[in-house]
């Protein structure tokens, strides 16, 4: 999960979080992060496979801002 300049969070999955953060900051990431740059990596979970990662991504995206903030803490 990355935190955007405006304090919002963007959640996604990748096999290389540091590379993906750089892509977002270069404008090559999602449209949302292009509009809310710069971003910085604040939370990472390692999961065993792509399917698990995508399910966890969906679960995190359903959290409200305060719940995401608590997850990051």
N, C-alpha and C. Protein backbone atom coordinates (compact mmCIF):
# COMPACT_ATOMS: atom_id res chain seq x y z
N UNK A 1 0.86 -1.16 0.00
CA UNK A 1 0.00 0.00 0.00
C UNK A 1 0.91 1.22 0.00
N UNK A 2 0.52 2.22 -0.79
CA UNK A 2 1.25 3.47 -0.79
C UNK A 2 0.35 4.57 -0.24
N UNK A 3 0.99 5.54 0.38
CA UNK A 3 0.26 6.73 0.83
C UNK A 3 0.54 7.83 -0.17
N UNK A 4 -0.52 8.48 -0.61
CA UNK A 4 -0.39 9.56 -1.59
C UNK A 4 -0.15 10.88 -0.87
N UNK A 5 0.26 11.87 -1.65
CA UNK A 5 0.57 13.19 -1.10
C UNK A 5 -0.59 13.77 -0.30
N UNK A 6 -1.82 13.50 -0.72
CA UNK A 6 -2.99 14.06 -0.04
C UNK A 6 -3.44 13.23 1.17
N UNK A 7 -2.67 12.18 1.53
CA UNK A 7 -3.00 11.36 2.69
C UNK A 7 -3.88 10.17 2.36
N UNK A 8 -4.31 10.03 1.12
CA UNK A 8 -5.11 8.87 0.74
C UNK A 8 -4.19 7.67 0.53
N UNK A 9 -4.78 6.49 0.50
CA UNK A 9 -4.02 5.25 0.31
C UNK A 9 -4.40 4.60 -1.01
N UNK A 10 -3.42 3.98 -1.66
CA UNK A 10 -3.66 3.20 -2.86
C UNK A 10 -3.12 1.80 -2.61
N UNK A 11 -3.93 0.81 -2.90
CA UNK A 11 -3.57 -0.58 -2.66
C UNK A 11 -3.47 -1.33 -3.98
N UNK A 12 -2.44 -2.13 -4.10
CA UNK A 12 -2.27 -2.96 -5.28
C UNK A 12 -1.40 -4.15 -4.93
N UNK A 13 -1.14 -4.99 -5.90
CA UNK A 13 -0.25 -6.12 -5.65
C UNK A 13 0.86 -6.11 -6.70
N UNK A 14 2.02 -6.60 -6.29
CA UNK A 14 3.17 -6.65 -7.18
C UNK A 14 4.19 -7.63 -6.60
N UNK A 15 5.09 -8.09 -7.42
CA UNK A 15 6.16 -8.95 -6.90
C UNK A 15 7.38 -8.12 -6.48
N UNK A 16 7.38 -6.82 -6.81
CA UNK A 16 8.50 -5.94 -6.46
C UNK A 16 7.95 -4.58 -6.00
N UNK A 17 7.63 -4.44 -4.71
CA UNK A 17 7.01 -3.21 -4.22
C UNK A 17 7.85 -1.94 -4.42
N UNK A 18 9.15 -2.04 -4.27
CA UNK A 18 10.02 -0.86 -4.41
C UNK A 18 10.01 -0.37 -5.87
N UNK A 19 10.11 -1.31 -6.81
CA UNK A 19 10.05 -0.95 -8.22
C UNK A 19 8.71 -0.32 -8.55
N UNK A 20 7.64 -0.89 -8.02
CA UNK A 20 6.29 -0.39 -8.31
C UNK A 20 6.10 1.02 -7.74
N UNK A 21 6.64 1.29 -6.56
CA UNK A 21 6.57 2.63 -5.99
C UNK A 21 7.24 3.63 -6.93
N UNK A 22 8.41 3.27 -7.45
CA UNK A 22 9.12 4.14 -8.39
C UNK A 22 8.29 4.38 -9.64
N UNK A 23 7.64 3.34 -10.15
CA UNK A 23 6.80 3.49 -11.34
C UNK A 23 5.66 4.47 -11.07
N UNK A 24 5.01 4.33 -9.92
CA UNK A 24 3.92 5.24 -9.57
C UNK A 24 4.43 6.68 -9.54
N UNK A 25 5.59 6.90 -8.96
CA UNK A 25 6.13 8.26 -8.85
C UNK A 25 6.62 8.81 -10.18
N UNK A 26 6.88 7.95 -11.14
CA UNK A 26 7.28 8.40 -12.47
C UNK A 26 6.08 8.60 -13.38
N UNK A 27 4.88 8.33 -12.86
CA UNK A 27 3.67 8.51 -13.65
C UNK A 27 3.30 7.30 -14.48
N UNK A 28 3.99 6.18 -14.27
CA UNK A 28 3.73 4.98 -15.06
C UNK A 28 2.79 4.01 -14.34
N UNK A 29 2.30 4.40 -13.18
CA UNK A 29 1.42 3.53 -12.42
C UNK A 29 -0.03 3.79 -12.75
N UNK A 30 -0.87 3.54 -11.81
CA UNK A 30 -2.31 3.69 -11.97
C UNK A 30 -2.68 5.16 -12.17
N UNK A 31 -3.81 5.39 -12.81
CA UNK A 31 -4.30 6.75 -13.03
C UNK A 31 -4.44 7.47 -11.69
N UNK A 32 -4.96 6.77 -10.68
CA UNK A 32 -5.16 7.40 -9.37
C UNK A 32 -3.85 7.95 -8.82
N UNK A 33 -2.79 7.16 -8.88
CA UNK A 33 -1.53 7.63 -8.31
C UNK A 33 -0.90 8.72 -9.17
N UNK A 34 -1.16 8.71 -10.47
CA UNK A 34 -0.66 9.80 -11.33
C UNK A 34 -1.23 11.14 -10.89
N UNK A 35 -2.46 11.13 -10.41
CA UNK A 35 -3.12 12.36 -9.99
C UNK A 35 -2.83 12.73 -8.54
N UNK A 36 -2.23 11.82 -7.78
CA UNK A 36 -2.00 12.04 -6.35
C UNK A 36 -0.53 11.86 -5.96
N UNK A 37 0.38 12.12 -6.88
CA UNK A 37 1.81 11.97 -6.61
C UNK A 37 2.30 13.09 -5.73
N UNK A 38 3.42 12.89 -5.06
CA UNK A 38 4.19 11.66 -4.97
C UNK A 38 3.56 10.68 -3.98
N UNK A 39 3.94 9.43 -4.11
CA UNK A 39 3.48 8.39 -3.19
C UNK A 39 4.69 7.81 -2.47
N UNK A 40 4.44 7.22 -1.30
CA UNK A 40 5.52 6.48 -0.65
C UNK A 40 4.96 5.20 -0.05
N UNK A 41 5.76 4.17 -0.14
CA UNK A 41 5.39 2.84 0.31
C UNK A 41 5.26 2.84 1.82
N UNK A 42 4.09 2.39 2.33
CA UNK A 42 3.86 2.40 3.77
C UNK A 42 3.51 1.03 4.34
N UNK A 43 3.14 0.07 3.48
CA UNK A 43 2.71 -1.23 4.01
C UNK A 43 2.89 -2.31 2.96
N UNK A 44 3.47 -3.44 3.37
CA UNK A 44 3.68 -4.58 2.48
C UNK A 44 3.34 -5.86 3.22
N UNK A 45 2.67 -6.76 2.57
CA UNK A 45 2.45 -8.12 3.07
C UNK A 45 2.98 -9.08 2.02
N UNK A 46 3.67 -10.12 2.47
CA UNK A 46 4.11 -11.17 1.55
C UNK A 46 3.11 -12.31 1.62
N UNK A 47 2.66 -12.75 0.47
CA UNK A 47 1.70 -13.84 0.38
C UNK A 47 2.25 -14.91 -0.55
N UNK A 48 1.77 -16.16 -0.42
CA UNK A 48 2.40 -17.27 -1.13
C UNK A 48 2.19 -17.31 -2.64
N UNK A 49 1.10 -16.67 -3.13
CA UNK A 49 0.83 -16.77 -4.56
C UNK A 49 -0.03 -15.58 -5.02
N UNK A 50 -0.17 -15.47 -6.33
CA UNK A 50 -0.90 -14.36 -6.93
C UNK A 50 -2.36 -14.33 -6.50
N UNK A 51 -2.99 -15.48 -6.46
CA UNK A 51 -4.39 -15.55 -6.07
C UNK A 51 -4.61 -15.01 -4.66
N UNK A 52 -3.77 -15.43 -3.75
CA UNK A 52 -3.86 -14.94 -2.36
C UNK A 52 -3.63 -13.44 -2.30
N UNK A 53 -2.67 -12.95 -3.07
CA UNK A 53 -2.37 -11.53 -3.09
C UNK A 53 -3.55 -10.72 -3.60
N UNK A 54 -4.19 -11.22 -4.65
CA UNK A 54 -5.33 -10.49 -5.21
C UNK A 54 -6.53 -10.49 -4.27
N UNK A 55 -6.74 -11.59 -3.56
CA UNK A 55 -7.83 -11.65 -2.57
C UNK A 55 -7.56 -10.67 -1.43
N UNK A 56 -6.31 -10.63 -0.97
CA UNK A 56 -5.96 -9.71 0.11
C UNK A 56 -6.08 -8.26 -0.35
N UNK A 57 -5.69 -7.99 -1.58
CA UNK A 57 -5.82 -6.64 -2.14
C UNK A 57 -7.29 -6.20 -2.10
N UNK A 58 -8.18 -7.07 -2.54
CA UNK A 58 -9.61 -6.73 -2.52
C UNK A 58 -10.11 -6.47 -1.10
N UNK A 59 -9.63 -7.27 -0.15
CA UNK A 59 -10.05 -7.09 1.24
C UNK A 59 -9.57 -5.74 1.78
N UNK A 60 -8.34 -5.40 1.48
CA UNK A 60 -7.80 -4.12 1.96
C UNK A 60 -8.52 -2.96 1.30
N UNK A 61 -8.84 -3.07 0.03
CA UNK A 61 -9.54 -1.99 -0.66
C UNK A 61 -10.92 -1.73 -0.07
N UNK A 62 -11.51 -2.73 0.57
CA UNK A 62 -12.83 -2.56 1.19
C UNK A 62 -12.75 -1.84 2.54
N UNK A 63 -11.54 -1.70 3.10
CA UNK A 63 -11.39 -1.01 4.38
C UNK A 63 -11.58 0.50 4.20
N UNK A 64 -12.07 1.15 5.25
CA UNK A 64 -12.17 2.60 5.17
C UNK A 64 -10.81 3.22 5.51
N UNK A 65 -10.70 4.52 5.39
CA UNK A 65 -9.41 5.20 5.57
C UNK A 65 -8.83 4.95 6.96
N UNK A 66 -9.65 5.05 7.99
CA UNK A 66 -9.16 4.83 9.36
C UNK A 66 -8.66 3.41 9.56
N UNK A 67 -9.34 2.44 8.98
CA UNK A 67 -8.90 1.05 9.09
C UNK A 67 -7.57 0.83 8.36
N UNK A 68 -7.41 1.47 7.22
CA UNK A 68 -6.13 1.39 6.50
C UNK A 68 -5.02 2.05 7.30
N UNK A 69 -5.33 3.21 7.90
CA UNK A 69 -4.36 3.91 8.74
C UNK A 69 -3.89 3.00 9.88
N UNK A 70 -4.83 2.31 10.53
CA UNK A 70 -4.48 1.41 11.63
C UNK A 70 -3.67 0.23 11.14
N UNK A 71 -3.93 -0.26 9.96
CA UNK A 71 -3.16 -1.35 9.38
C UNK A 71 -1.71 -0.90 9.16
N UNK A 72 -1.55 0.31 8.68
CA UNK A 72 -0.20 0.85 8.42
C UNK A 72 0.58 1.02 9.71
N UNK A 73 -0.12 1.44 10.78
CA UNK A 73 0.57 1.61 12.08
C UNK A 73 1.12 0.30 12.52
